[in-house]
Structure formats: C-alpha cells, structure tokens
Amino acid sequence: MKFSVRVSEYQKNVMLNICDVDLIGEKIVQDALTIHISEAYYGKKIVEIDEAKTLLKNSSIINMVGKDTISLAVDLGIGSENGVKVISDVPFLIVFNT
C-alpha cells in the first residue's frame, strides 16, 4: 500500500496532506462540485505504510483522501468514520490534533 504525501508547516503546526497514491491526478465530480486531487497539493513524495503511519501520528493538521488513507488513520485512532465526507464514492477527512 502506497500513499502520496506533502508535509508543510502552518502556523507552527505540522500539516500533512495525504492520499491514496492512485488518486493523484484524478478529478472527483459530484453535481456542481469538482475536486482535483493534484500532485501540487497532495505531494510528490510516495511513501509506504510505515512512513505514512509515522506522518499521521506526528501531524497536527491532516487532510486525507481515499479509502486506504482514511482506513489507516481511523485504525490508528486518528479521526473517526463519523467525520468522513464521501464525494462521488471517494472519502475525505480533515483532522485537527492540537
């Protein structure tokens, strides 16, 4: 299992954008809403599951997209299924750990 990630700092917090690697470049469309899962936002770095776990555990703000990504985060106790929004069968979740 591989993930695409981008790590940055936002107001002294570690911000992680992470998605299932196969979603990079996809356009998610539902009604009038179109979301582009871009490499510029979700990162150029591809990581394996162990590094993804470390990044998820050590980030303050996490933007997640994809079934594998969100499943991994929820299994780690980061976020919950209740917060997941599904757009055109693709799950999205944002978590703030303070």
Protein backbone atom coordinates (compact mmCIF):
# COMPACT_ATOMS: atom_id res chain seq x y z
CA MET A 1 0.00 0.00 0.00
CA LYS A 2 1.43 3.38 -1.03
CA PHE A 3 0.44 6.95 -0.24
CA SER A 4 1.25 10.34 -1.73
CA VAL A 5 2.19 12.96 0.85
CA ARG A 6 3.13 16.58 1.29
CA VAL A 7 4.28 17.89 4.66
CA SER A 8 4.41 21.59 5.45
CA GLU A 9 4.29 23.94 8.40
CA TYR A 10 1.22 26.07 9.01
CA GLN A 11 1.12 28.48 11.97
CA LYS A 12 3.75 26.41 13.83
CA ASN A 13 1.81 23.17 13.24
CA VAL A 14 2.82 20.25 11.05
CA MET A 15 0.30 19.95 8.23
CA LEU A 16 0.03 16.68 6.30
CA ASN A 17 -1.79 16.28 3.01
CA ILE A 18 -2.06 12.57 2.26
CA CYS A 19 -3.99 10.48 -0.22
CA ASP A 20 -4.12 7.07 -1.82
CA VAL A 21 -1.42 7.16 -4.49
CA ASP A 22 -3.82 6.04 -7.23
CA LEU A 23 -5.94 9.18 -6.72
CA ILE A 24 -3.21 11.63 -7.80
CA GLY A 25 -4.35 13.46 -10.91
CA GLU A 26 -7.99 12.38 -10.54
CA LYS A 27 -10.93 14.76 -10.79
CA ILE A 28 -13.77 13.95 -8.43
CA VAL A 29 -17.10 15.27 -9.71
CA GLN A 30 -20.44 15.32 -7.93
CA ASP A 31 -23.20 17.62 -9.10
CA ALA A 32 -21.71 21.13 -9.42
CA LEU A 33 -18.67 20.24 -7.30
CA THR A 34 -15.33 19.31 -8.91
CA ILE A 35 -12.26 18.49 -6.83
CA HIS A 36 -8.88 17.91 -8.43
CA ILE A 37 -6.57 15.62 -6.44
CA SER A 38 -3.41 17.36 -7.54
CA GLU A 39 0.21 16.41 -7.12
CA ALA A 40 0.89 20.04 -6.16
CA TYR A 41 -1.39 19.75 -3.11
CA TYR A 42 -1.08 16.11 -2.10
CA GLY A 43 2.61 15.83 -2.78
CA LYS A 44 5.19 14.34 -4.99
CA LYS A 45 6.60 12.04 -2.33
CA ILE A 46 5.37 8.46 -2.37
CA VAL A 47 5.64 6.61 0.94
CA GLU A 48 4.98 3.10 2.18
CA ILE A 49 2.58 2.28 5.02
CA ASP A 50 5.14 2.52 7.86
CA GLU A 51 6.19 6.06 6.95
CA ALA A 52 2.54 7.02 6.42
CA LYS A 53 1.75 5.83 9.96
CA THR A 54 4.58 7.92 11.41
CA LEU A 55 3.48 11.01 9.50
CA LEU A 56 -0.15 10.57 10.55
CA LYS A 57 0.81 10.18 14.22
CA ASN A 58 3.09 13.25 14.19
CA SER A 59 0.95 15.78 12.31
CA SER A 60 -1.32 18.44 13.78
CA ILE A 61 -3.48 19.16 10.74
CA ILE A 62 -4.25 16.31 8.34
CA ASN A 63 -6.10 16.50 5.03
CA MET A 64 -6.87 12.96 3.86
CA VAL A 65 -8.40 11.50 0.73
CA GLY A 66 -9.01 7.89 -0.21
CA LYS A 67 -10.26 4.66 1.31
CA ASP A 68 -6.84 3.25 2.25
CA THR A 69 -5.63 6.53 3.77
CA ILE A 70 -8.71 7.09 5.90
CA SER A 71 -8.92 3.45 6.93
CA LEU A 72 -5.30 3.60 8.12
CA ALA A 73 -5.90 6.84 10.06
CA VAL A 74 -9.06 5.55 11.75
CA ASP A 75 -7.28 2.28 12.66
CA LEU A 76 -4.59 4.43 14.34
CA GLY A 77 -7.25 6.33 16.30
CA ILE A 78 -6.84 9.48 14.21
CA GLY A 79 -10.24 10.82 13.27
CA SER A 80 -13.41 8.77 13.09
CA GLU A 81 -15.75 7.42 10.48
CA ASN A 82 -18.33 9.97 11.67
CA GLY A 83 -16.26 12.83 10.25
CA VAL A 84 -15.77 11.29 6.82
CA LYS A 85 -17.46 13.02 3.87
CA VAL A 86 -17.94 11.00 0.70
CA ILE A 87 -17.93 12.75 -2.65
CA SER A 88 -18.58 10.57 -5.68
CA ASP A 89 -17.58 7.43 -3.73
CA VAL A 90 -14.27 8.99 -2.59
CA PRO A 91 -13.91 9.60 1.17
CA PHE A 92 -12.44 12.85 2.52
CA LEU A 93 -11.45 13.63 6.12
CA ILE A 94 -9.80 16.60 7.80
CA VAL A 95 -8.43 16.22 11.34
CA PHE A 96 -7.06 18.85 13.70
CA ASN A 97 -4.88 17.42 16.50
CA THR A 98 -3.96 20.12 18.99
